[in-house]
N, C-alpha and C. Protein backbone atom coordinates (compact mmCIF):
# COMPACT_ATOMS: atom_id res chain seq x y z
N UNK A 1 6.48 -18.73 -19.08
CA UNK A 1 5.64 -17.58 -18.87
C UNK A 1 4.67 -17.91 -17.74
N UNK A 2 4.59 -17.02 -16.76
CA UNK A 2 3.72 -17.24 -15.61
C UNK A 2 2.60 -16.22 -15.61
N UNK A 3 1.50 -16.54 -14.95
CA UNK A 3 0.44 -15.57 -14.74
C UNK A 3 -0.60 -15.53 -15.84
N UNK A 4 -0.67 -16.52 -16.69
CA UNK A 4 -1.70 -16.54 -17.71
C UNK A 4 -1.19 -16.08 -19.06
N UNK A 5 -2.10 -15.65 -19.91
CA UNK A 5 -1.77 -15.31 -21.29
C UNK A 5 -1.54 -13.82 -21.51
N UNK A 6 -2.15 -12.97 -20.67
CA UNK A 6 -2.04 -11.53 -20.87
C UNK A 6 -0.77 -11.01 -20.23
N UNK A 7 0.02 -10.28 -20.97
CA UNK A 7 1.23 -9.66 -20.44
C UNK A 7 0.80 -8.40 -19.68
N UNK A 8 0.94 -8.34 -18.34
CA UNK A 8 0.42 -7.22 -17.57
C UNK A 8 1.13 -5.90 -17.88
N UNK A 9 2.35 -5.95 -18.38
CA UNK A 9 3.09 -4.71 -18.64
C UNK A 9 2.86 -4.17 -20.04
N UNK A 10 2.17 -4.90 -20.89
CA UNK A 10 2.02 -4.48 -22.28
C UNK A 10 1.16 -3.23 -22.37
N UNK A 11 1.68 -2.19 -23.00
CA UNK A 11 0.92 -0.97 -23.23
C UNK A 11 0.79 -0.07 -22.02
N UNK A 12 1.55 -0.31 -20.97
CA UNK A 12 1.46 0.50 -19.76
C UNK A 12 2.79 1.14 -19.43
N UNK A 13 2.73 2.30 -18.74
CA UNK A 13 3.94 2.87 -18.15
C UNK A 13 4.25 2.02 -16.91
N UNK A 14 5.52 1.72 -16.68
CA UNK A 14 5.89 0.82 -15.60
C UNK A 14 6.67 1.55 -14.52
N UNK A 15 6.35 1.24 -13.28
CA UNK A 15 7.14 1.66 -12.13
C UNK A 15 7.48 0.41 -11.35
N UNK A 16 8.77 0.17 -11.16
CA UNK A 16 9.20 -0.96 -10.35
C UNK A 16 10.15 -0.43 -9.29
N UNK A 17 9.70 -0.46 -8.06
CA UNK A 17 10.48 0.06 -6.94
C UNK A 17 10.87 -1.08 -6.02
N UNK A 18 12.09 -0.99 -5.47
CA UNK A 18 12.52 -2.03 -4.54
C UNK A 18 13.23 -1.39 -3.35
N UNK A 19 13.24 -2.12 -2.23
CA UNK A 19 13.86 -1.66 -1.00
C UNK A 19 14.48 -2.87 -0.31
N UNK A 20 15.67 -2.73 0.22
CA UNK A 20 16.33 -3.81 0.95
C UNK A 20 16.97 -3.23 2.20
N UNK A 21 16.64 -3.80 3.35
CA UNK A 21 17.22 -3.37 4.63
C UNK A 21 17.78 -4.61 5.31
N UNK A 22 19.02 -4.53 5.78
CA UNK A 22 19.64 -5.67 6.46
C UNK A 22 20.29 -5.22 7.77
N UNK A 23 20.23 -6.09 8.77
CA UNK A 23 20.81 -5.79 10.08
C UNK A 23 21.54 -7.03 10.59
N UNK A 24 22.75 -6.82 11.12
CA UNK A 24 23.51 -7.93 11.69
C UNK A 24 23.97 -7.50 13.08
N UNK A 25 23.77 -8.36 14.07
CA UNK A 25 24.17 -8.08 15.44
C UNK A 25 24.96 -9.29 15.95
N UNK A 26 26.17 -9.07 16.42
CA UNK A 26 27.03 -10.16 16.87
C UNK A 26 27.51 -9.85 18.29
N UNK A 27 27.31 -10.81 19.20
CA UNK A 27 27.75 -10.70 20.59
C UNK A 27 28.70 -11.85 20.87
N UNK A 28 29.92 -11.54 21.29
CA UNK A 28 30.93 -12.57 21.56
C UNK A 28 31.48 -12.37 22.97
N UNK A 29 31.54 -13.47 23.75
CA UNK A 29 32.12 -13.40 25.09
C UNK A 29 32.70 -14.78 25.42
N UNK A 30 34.00 -14.81 25.71
CA UNK A 30 34.72 -16.05 26.02
C UNK A 30 34.44 -17.12 24.96
N UNK A 31 33.81 -18.23 25.34
CA UNK A 31 33.54 -19.31 24.39
C UNK A 31 32.11 -19.28 23.86
N UNK A 32 31.44 -18.16 23.96
CA UNK A 32 30.03 -18.05 23.59
C UNK A 32 29.86 -16.95 22.54
N UNK A 33 29.09 -17.25 21.52
CA UNK A 33 28.76 -16.20 20.54
C UNK A 33 27.28 -16.32 20.15
N UNK A 34 26.67 -15.18 19.94
CA UNK A 34 25.26 -15.13 19.56
C UNK A 34 25.14 -14.11 18.42
N UNK A 35 24.64 -14.58 17.28
CA UNK A 35 24.51 -13.73 16.09
C UNK A 35 23.05 -13.70 15.66
N UNK A 36 22.56 -12.49 15.38
CA UNK A 36 21.20 -12.30 14.88
C UNK A 36 21.27 -11.55 13.57
N UNK A 37 20.59 -12.07 12.55
CA UNK A 37 20.53 -11.41 11.25
C UNK A 37 19.07 -11.20 10.88
N UNK A 38 18.78 -10.02 10.36
CA UNK A 38 17.43 -9.69 9.93
C UNK A 38 17.51 -8.99 8.58
N UNK A 39 16.65 -9.41 7.66
CA UNK A 39 16.61 -8.77 6.34
C UNK A 39 15.16 -8.55 5.95
N UNK A 40 14.87 -7.36 5.44
CA UNK A 40 13.54 -7.03 4.93
C UNK A 40 13.69 -6.55 3.50
N UNK A 41 12.88 -7.08 2.61
CA UNK A 41 12.92 -6.67 1.21
C UNK A 41 11.49 -6.40 0.73
N UNK A 42 11.34 -5.37 -0.10
CA UNK A 42 10.04 -5.04 -0.70
C UNK A 42 10.25 -4.76 -2.18
N UNK A 43 9.36 -5.29 -2.99
CA UNK A 43 9.40 -5.04 -4.42
C UNK A 43 7.98 -4.76 -4.88
N UNK A 44 7.81 -3.71 -5.67
CA UNK A 44 6.49 -3.33 -6.16
C UNK A 44 6.50 -3.26 -7.67
N UNK A 45 5.55 -3.96 -8.28
CA UNK A 45 5.32 -3.88 -9.72
C UNK A 45 4.08 -3.03 -9.91
N UNK A 46 4.18 -1.93 -10.61
CA UNK A 46 3.04 -1.04 -10.80
C UNK A 46 2.90 -0.75 -12.29
N UNK A 47 1.91 -1.35 -12.90
CA UNK A 47 1.60 -1.10 -14.31
C UNK A 47 0.24 -0.41 -14.40
N UNK A 48 0.01 0.54 -13.51
CA UNK A 48 -1.33 1.10 -13.34
C UNK A 48 -1.65 2.23 -14.30
N UNK A 49 -0.69 2.76 -15.01
CA UNK A 49 -0.95 3.91 -15.88
C UNK A 49 -0.88 3.48 -17.35
N UNK A 50 -2.02 3.17 -17.97
CA UNK A 50 -1.97 2.79 -19.39
C UNK A 50 -1.49 3.95 -20.25
N UNK A 51 -0.62 3.66 -21.20
CA UNK A 51 -0.13 4.70 -22.10
C UNK A 51 -1.23 5.19 -23.02
N UNK A 52 -2.14 4.31 -23.38
CA UNK A 52 -3.27 4.67 -24.22
C UNK A 52 -4.41 3.73 -23.85
N UNK A 53 -5.36 4.23 -23.06
CA UNK A 53 -6.44 3.37 -22.55
C UNK A 53 -7.29 2.76 -23.67
N UNK A 54 -7.35 3.42 -24.82
CA UNK A 54 -8.18 2.94 -25.91
C UNK A 54 -7.40 2.13 -26.94
N UNK A 55 -6.16 1.76 -26.60
CA UNK A 55 -5.34 1.00 -27.55
C UNK A 55 -5.94 -0.39 -27.75
N UNK A 56 -5.78 -0.96 -28.94
CA UNK A 56 -6.35 -2.27 -29.20
C UNK A 56 -5.53 -3.38 -28.57
N UNK A 57 -6.14 -4.53 -28.44
CA UNK A 57 -5.45 -5.72 -27.99
C UNK A 57 -5.20 -6.61 -29.20
N UNK A 58 -4.13 -7.36 -29.12
CA UNK A 58 -3.82 -8.32 -30.17
C UNK A 58 -3.75 -9.69 -29.52
N UNK A 59 -4.43 -10.66 -30.08
CA UNK A 59 -4.40 -12.03 -29.59
C UNK A 59 -3.50 -12.85 -30.50
N UNK A 60 -2.50 -13.50 -29.91
CA UNK A 60 -1.57 -14.33 -30.66
C UNK A 60 -2.05 -15.77 -30.58
N UNK A 61 -2.27 -16.37 -31.74
CA UNK A 61 -2.79 -17.73 -31.81
C UNK A 61 -1.73 -18.69 -32.34
N UNK A 62 -1.82 -19.93 -31.89
CA UNK A 62 -1.05 -21.03 -32.45
C UNK A 62 -2.08 -22.07 -32.85
N UNK A 63 -2.41 -22.08 -34.12
CA UNK A 63 -3.55 -22.89 -34.56
C UNK A 63 -4.82 -22.24 -34.04
N UNK A 64 -5.58 -22.94 -33.22
CA UNK A 64 -6.77 -22.36 -32.62
C UNK A 64 -6.56 -22.03 -31.15
N UNK A 65 -5.36 -22.23 -30.64
CA UNK A 65 -5.05 -21.99 -29.23
C UNK A 65 -4.48 -20.59 -29.03
N UNK A 66 -5.02 -19.84 -28.06
CA UNK A 66 -4.50 -18.52 -27.69
C UNK A 66 -3.24 -18.71 -26.87
N UNK A 67 -2.11 -18.12 -27.32
CA UNK A 67 -0.86 -18.27 -26.57
C UNK A 67 -0.43 -16.97 -25.91
N UNK A 68 -1.02 -15.81 -26.30
CA UNK A 68 -0.69 -14.54 -25.66
C UNK A 68 -1.72 -13.49 -26.04
N UNK A 69 -1.91 -12.52 -25.13
CA UNK A 69 -2.73 -11.35 -25.41
C UNK A 69 -1.86 -10.13 -25.14
N UNK A 70 -1.63 -9.32 -26.15
CA UNK A 70 -0.76 -8.15 -26.05
C UNK A 70 -1.61 -6.88 -26.15
N UNK A 71 -1.13 -5.80 -25.55
CA UNK A 71 -1.85 -4.53 -25.56
C UNK A 71 -2.42 -4.25 -24.18
N UNK A 72 -3.10 -3.12 -24.04
CA UNK A 72 -3.67 -2.74 -22.74
C UNK A 72 -4.67 -3.80 -22.28
N UNK A 73 -4.44 -4.42 -21.12
CA UNK A 73 -5.29 -5.52 -20.70
C UNK A 73 -6.66 -5.09 -20.19
N UNK A 74 -6.88 -3.81 -19.94
CA UNK A 74 -8.18 -3.36 -19.45
C UNK A 74 -8.32 -3.44 -17.94
N UNK A 75 -7.21 -3.68 -17.24
CA UNK A 75 -7.26 -3.70 -15.78
C UNK A 75 -5.95 -3.14 -15.23
N UNK A 76 -5.95 -2.78 -13.95
CA UNK A 76 -4.77 -2.26 -13.27
C UNK A 76 -4.00 -3.43 -12.66
N UNK A 77 -2.68 -3.47 -12.93
CA UNK A 77 -1.81 -4.49 -12.34
C UNK A 77 -0.88 -3.78 -11.37
N UNK A 78 -1.14 -3.91 -10.07
CA UNK A 78 -0.34 -3.25 -9.04
C UNK A 78 -0.12 -4.28 -7.93
N UNK A 79 1.08 -4.82 -7.87
CA UNK A 79 1.36 -5.90 -6.92
C UNK A 79 2.58 -5.54 -6.07
N UNK A 80 2.52 -5.91 -4.79
CA UNK A 80 3.61 -5.61 -3.85
C UNK A 80 4.01 -6.91 -3.15
N UNK A 81 5.32 -7.14 -3.07
CA UNK A 81 5.84 -8.34 -2.41
C UNK A 81 6.73 -7.90 -1.24
N UNK A 82 6.47 -8.43 -0.05
CA UNK A 82 7.29 -8.17 1.13
C UNK A 82 7.90 -9.48 1.59
N UNK A 83 9.19 -9.48 1.92
CA UNK A 83 9.89 -10.67 2.38
C UNK A 83 10.67 -10.32 3.65
N UNK A 84 10.52 -11.14 4.68
CA UNK A 84 11.27 -10.96 5.93
C UNK A 84 12.05 -12.25 6.18
N UNK A 85 13.34 -12.10 6.45
CA UNK A 85 14.19 -13.26 6.79
C UNK A 85 14.83 -13.00 8.14
N UNK A 86 14.76 -13.98 9.01
CA UNK A 86 15.32 -13.88 10.36
C UNK A 86 16.21 -15.08 10.60
N UNK A 87 17.39 -14.85 11.18
CA UNK A 87 18.34 -15.95 11.41
C UNK A 87 18.99 -15.75 12.77
N UNK A 88 19.06 -16.83 13.55
CA UNK A 88 19.74 -16.83 14.86
C UNK A 88 20.83 -17.90 14.85
N UNK A 89 22.02 -17.54 15.31
CA UNK A 89 23.13 -18.49 15.42
C UNK A 89 23.71 -18.37 16.83
N UNK A 90 23.81 -19.51 17.50
CA UNK A 90 24.40 -19.55 18.83
C UNK A 90 25.50 -20.60 18.82
N UNK A 91 26.68 -20.23 19.29
CA UNK A 91 27.81 -21.17 19.39
C UNK A 91 28.33 -21.15 20.82
N UNK A 92 28.56 -22.32 21.34
CA UNK A 92 29.08 -22.43 22.71
C UNK A 92 30.39 -23.17 22.67
């Protein structure tokens, strides 16, 4: 489990959107080739709309140690990840 003890999606409506764009360009002439590849990816986690803002939280304990907090966390979790990959290949 990553990101601490509170589950950001607990008690919220979830929107997860993703986008992937890829481009490949290849140039070949005699004994020479040049290839360019580009990829862009975006992923968005949006847990911004609580299903019930006044819902209670539940703390899960193991002995005296808190191992999880479930229910509406009391904050907006809206995160976006962008990734760009670029590749060049030249053969002679």
